[in-house]
């Protein structure tokens, strides 16, 4: 799908730090990619806006995020991150095994996100007491294998942005465990200190 502009433009919902588009937003900031951040109201005007974006070729599904980048349009947030990582030549594994690890953790995040969305506004006891602790427990095993702070040790990958977003969103919905595994806490602390995004995160952190 061809983009109409040579300027990178991120299209997403005006819902603050929540959701899939924020993962792409954080990635672009960290990578130092210049882009325009367009946000759309998520109210009764959204169906019409969604149809308009579809007519313009900015989404096939009617959903966002949508990223206009170097004469292409990218949809689906995890494939978008993979594309950007490959185009930039960083933020991915170097060996087939490392790429597998990054893809595997991305899939685990996608499974978490499906359940998180299902619990928005009415989190179940099962989600808070069973699903969430198991999710971070599994992530901790992966992060411990390379001794952190990132999934691949001292090398950040696109999967780390998704994992951070899950931590942030569980915090915002009051479903984050009172104590995260040590490897995940170490990752979170390190991620929030990255120069290009530290100030942005600081300004938008939810109250504990």
Protein backbone atom coordinates (compact mmCIF):
# COMPACT_ATOMS: atom_id res chain seq x y z
CA UNK A 1 0.00 0.00 0.00
CA UNK A 2 1.62 3.24 -1.08
CA UNK A 3 1.67 6.29 1.15
CA UNK A 4 0.87 9.72 -0.20
CA UNK A 5 3.47 11.63 1.81
CA UNK A 6 7.22 11.37 2.30
CA UNK A 7 6.78 12.65 5.87
CA UNK A 8 6.28 9.94 8.51
CA UNK A 9 2.82 10.26 10.07
CA UNK A 10 1.45 8.17 12.92
CA UNK A 11 -2.35 7.93 12.95
CA UNK A 12 -3.86 6.81 16.24
CA UNK A 13 -6.64 7.37 18.75
CA UNK A 14 -6.54 10.23 21.24
CA UNK A 15 -6.44 7.95 24.27
CA UNK A 16 -3.20 9.07 25.87
CA UNK A 17 -0.69 6.37 26.74
CA UNK A 18 -3.11 3.48 26.29
CA UNK A 19 -3.14 0.92 23.53
CA UNK A 20 -1.27 -0.36 20.51
CA UNK A 21 -0.39 2.94 18.89
CA UNK A 22 1.60 3.99 21.93
CA UNK A 23 3.98 1.08 21.35
CA UNK A 24 4.79 2.48 17.91
CA UNK A 25 4.99 5.99 19.35
CA UNK A 26 7.60 4.99 21.93
CA UNK A 27 9.60 3.09 19.33
CA UNK A 28 9.74 6.06 16.95
CA UNK A 29 10.82 8.37 19.76
CA UNK A 30 13.59 6.04 20.85
CA UNK A 31 14.81 5.52 17.28
CA UNK A 32 14.93 9.26 16.65
CA UNK A 33 12.58 9.04 13.67
CA UNK A 34 10.93 12.38 12.93
CA UNK A 35 7.18 12.04 12.49
CA UNK A 36 3.87 13.80 12.85
CA UNK A 37 1.59 12.41 15.54
CA UNK A 38 -2.07 12.62 14.45
CA UNK A 39 -4.66 11.62 17.05
CA UNK A 40 -8.37 11.08 16.47
CA UNK A 41 -11.19 11.42 18.97
CA UNK A 42 -12.49 8.07 20.19
CA UNK A 43 -16.13 9.07 20.47
CA UNK A 44 -19.22 9.01 18.26
CA UNK A 45 -17.18 10.58 15.44
CA UNK A 46 -14.77 7.64 15.27
CA UNK A 47 -16.85 5.39 12.94
CA UNK A 48 -16.93 8.17 10.35
CA UNK A 49 -13.23 8.89 10.82
CA UNK A 50 -12.44 5.19 10.47
CA UNK A 51 -14.33 5.03 7.18
CA UNK A 52 -12.46 8.08 5.94
CA UNK A 53 -9.08 6.57 6.80
CA UNK A 54 -10.12 3.39 4.99
CA UNK A 55 -11.15 5.32 1.89
CA UNK A 56 -7.78 7.08 1.90
CA UNK A 57 -5.97 3.74 1.97
CA UNK A 58 -4.53 4.29 5.44
CA UNK A 59 -6.07 1.12 6.88
CA UNK A 60 -7.64 -2.04 5.48
CA UNK A 61 -9.38 -3.00 8.73
CA UNK A 62 -10.67 0.42 9.75
CA UNK A 63 -8.44 0.26 12.80
CA UNK A 64 -5.33 2.15 13.84
CA UNK A 65 -2.40 2.59 14.43
CA UNK A 66 -1.43 3.38 10.89
CA UNK A 67 2.02 4.66 10.05
CA UNK A 68 2.95 6.45 6.83
CA UNK A 69 6.66 5.75 6.51
CA UNK A 70 9.01 6.08 3.52
CA UNK A 71 6.29 5.79 0.89
CA UNK A 72 4.47 2.84 2.46
CA UNK A 73 1.59 2.52 4.91
CA UNK A 74 2.12 0.17 7.84
CA UNK A 75 -0.70 -1.34 9.90
CA UNK A 76 -0.81 -3.80 12.83
CA UNK A 77 1.52 -2.61 15.56
CA UNK A 78 3.82 -5.60 16.01
CA UNK A 79 4.42 -6.16 12.27
CA UNK A 80 5.00 -2.39 12.04
CA UNK A 81 7.73 -2.62 14.67
CA UNK A 82 9.31 -5.57 12.85
CA UNK A 83 9.31 -3.62 9.60
CA UNK A 84 10.89 -0.58 11.25
CA UNK A 85 13.52 -2.71 12.98
CA UNK A 86 14.50 -4.32 9.68
CA UNK A 87 14.52 -1.00 7.85
CA UNK A 88 16.67 0.65 10.53
CA UNK A 89 18.98 -2.32 10.88
CA UNK A 90 18.57 -2.50 14.66
CA UNK A 91 16.01 -3.36 17.36
CA UNK A 92 15.95 -7.03 16.33
CA UNK A 93 17.91 -10.20 16.93
CA UNK A 94 21.05 -10.86 14.90
CA UNK A 95 20.90 -14.65 14.75
CA UNK A 96 17.95 -16.85 13.83
CA UNK A 97 17.71 -17.89 17.48
CA UNK A 98 17.65 -14.31 18.73
CA UNK A 99 14.99 -13.39 16.16
CA UNK A 100 12.95 -16.36 17.34
CA UNK A 101 13.16 -15.18 20.97
CA UNK A 102 12.02 -11.68 20.00
CA UNK A 103 9.13 -13.06 17.93
CA UNK A 104 8.12 -15.49 20.68
CA UNK A 105 7.92 -12.77 23.33
CA UNK A 106 5.98 -10.57 20.92
CA UNK A 107 3.42 -13.36 20.54
CA UNK A 108 3.18 -13.74 24.32
CA UNK A 109 2.51 -10.00 24.54
CA UNK A 110 -0.23 -10.25 21.88
CA UNK A 111 -1.93 -13.00 23.90
CA UNK A 112 -1.74 -10.79 27.01
CA UNK A 113 -3.16 -7.81 25.15
CA UNK A 114 -6.20 -9.75 23.94
CA UNK A 115 -7.03 -10.62 27.55
CA UNK A 116 -6.25 -7.10 28.80
CA UNK A 117 -8.68 -5.56 26.31
CA UNK A 118 -11.36 -8.08 27.34
CA UNK A 119 -10.96 -6.90 30.94
CA UNK A 120 -10.97 -3.15 30.31
CA UNK A 121 -13.39 -1.41 32.65
CA UNK A 122 -14.25 -4.59 34.52
CA UNK A 123 -11.17 -6.63 35.42
CA UNK A 124 -11.99 -10.10 36.61
CA UNK A 125 -10.40 -11.83 39.57
CA UNK A 126 -9.04 -14.44 37.16
CA UNK A 127 -7.28 -11.76 35.12
CA UNK A 128 -5.72 -10.02 38.13
CA UNK A 129 -4.86 -13.06 40.22
CA UNK A 130 -4.05 -15.66 37.58
CA UNK A 131 -3.52 -14.37 34.04
CA UNK A 132 -1.39 -11.32 34.86
CA UNK A 133 1.01 -12.97 37.35
CA UNK A 134 1.55 -15.87 34.94
CA UNK A 135 2.22 -13.47 32.07
CA UNK A 136 4.95 -11.58 33.92
CA UNK A 137 6.30 -14.85 35.30
CA UNK A 138 6.78 -16.21 31.77
CA UNK A 139 8.38 -12.95 30.62
CA UNK A 140 10.75 -13.09 33.59
CA UNK A 141 12.04 -16.47 32.41
CA UNK A 142 12.92 -15.05 29.00
CA UNK A 143 14.58 -11.93 30.42
CA UNK A 144 16.58 -13.99 32.92
CA UNK A 145 18.12 -16.14 30.17
CA UNK A 146 20.17 -13.21 28.83
CA UNK A 147 20.61 -11.64 32.29
CA UNK A 148 18.86 -8.46 31.11
CA UNK A 149 18.16 -5.68 31.39
CA UNK A 150 16.57 -6.14 27.94
CA UNK A 151 15.24 -9.28 26.35
CA UNK A 152 18.54 -9.83 24.51
CA UNK A 153 20.78 -8.66 27.32
CA UNK A 154 22.16 -5.16 26.73
CA UNK A 155 20.59 -4.90 23.25
CA UNK A 156 17.07 -3.47 23.07
CA UNK A 157 14.60 -4.95 20.57
CA UNK A 158 11.15 -4.09 19.34
CA UNK A 159 9.66 -6.66 21.72
CA UNK A 160 10.90 -4.64 24.69
CA UNK A 161 8.65 -1.76 23.68
CA UNK A 162 5.61 -4.04 23.68
CA UNK A 163 6.54 -5.52 27.05
CA UNK A 164 6.98 -2.06 28.54
CA UNK A 165 3.59 -1.03 27.19
CA UNK A 166 1.95 -3.99 28.90
CA UNK A 167 3.50 -2.99 32.22
CA UNK A 168 2.40 0.62 31.75
CA UNK A 169 -1.15 -0.31 30.73
CA UNK A 170 -1.63 -2.79 33.58
CA UNK A 171 -0.48 -0.02 35.93
CA UNK A 172 -3.02 2.39 34.47
CA UNK A 173 -5.88 -0.08 34.85
CA UNK A 174 -4.89 -1.07 38.38
CA UNK A 175 -4.08 -4.65 37.36
CA UNK A 176 -0.29 -4.62 37.71
CA UNK A 177 0.97 -7.04 40.39
CA UNK A 178 2.14 -5.35 43.57
CA UNK A 179 5.57 -6.88 42.97
CA UNK A 180 6.98 -7.68 39.55
CA UNK A 181 9.68 -10.34 39.07
CA UNK A 182 13.14 -8.83 39.61
CA UNK A 183 14.18 -9.20 35.97
CA UNK A 184 11.07 -7.34 34.79
CA UNK A 185 11.51 -4.59 37.38
CA UNK A 186 15.13 -4.16 36.25
CA UNK A 187 14.00 -3.95 32.62
CA UNK A 188 11.32 -1.39 33.42
CA UNK A 189 13.75 0.83 35.31
CA UNK A 190 16.34 0.67 32.54
CA UNK A 191 13.80 1.31 29.78
CA UNK A 192 12.49 4.42 31.49
CA UNK A 193 16.01 5.86 31.59
CA UNK A 194 16.58 5.73 27.82
CA UNK A 195 17.49 9.29 26.75
CA UNK A 196 15.06 9.80 23.88
CA UNK A 197 12.00 8.70 25.82
CA UNK A 198 12.84 9.36 29.49
CA UNK A 199 11.32 12.83 29.59
CA UNK A 200 8.24 11.74 27.66
CA UNK A 201 7.62 8.87 30.04
CA UNK A 202 8.25 11.06 33.09
CA UNK A 203 5.68 13.61 31.93
CA UNK A 204 3.05 10.94 31.29
CA UNK A 205 3.56 8.44 34.10
CA UNK A 206 0.33 7.51 35.89
CA UNK A 207 0.06 8.00 39.60
CA UNK A 208 0.99 4.87 41.51
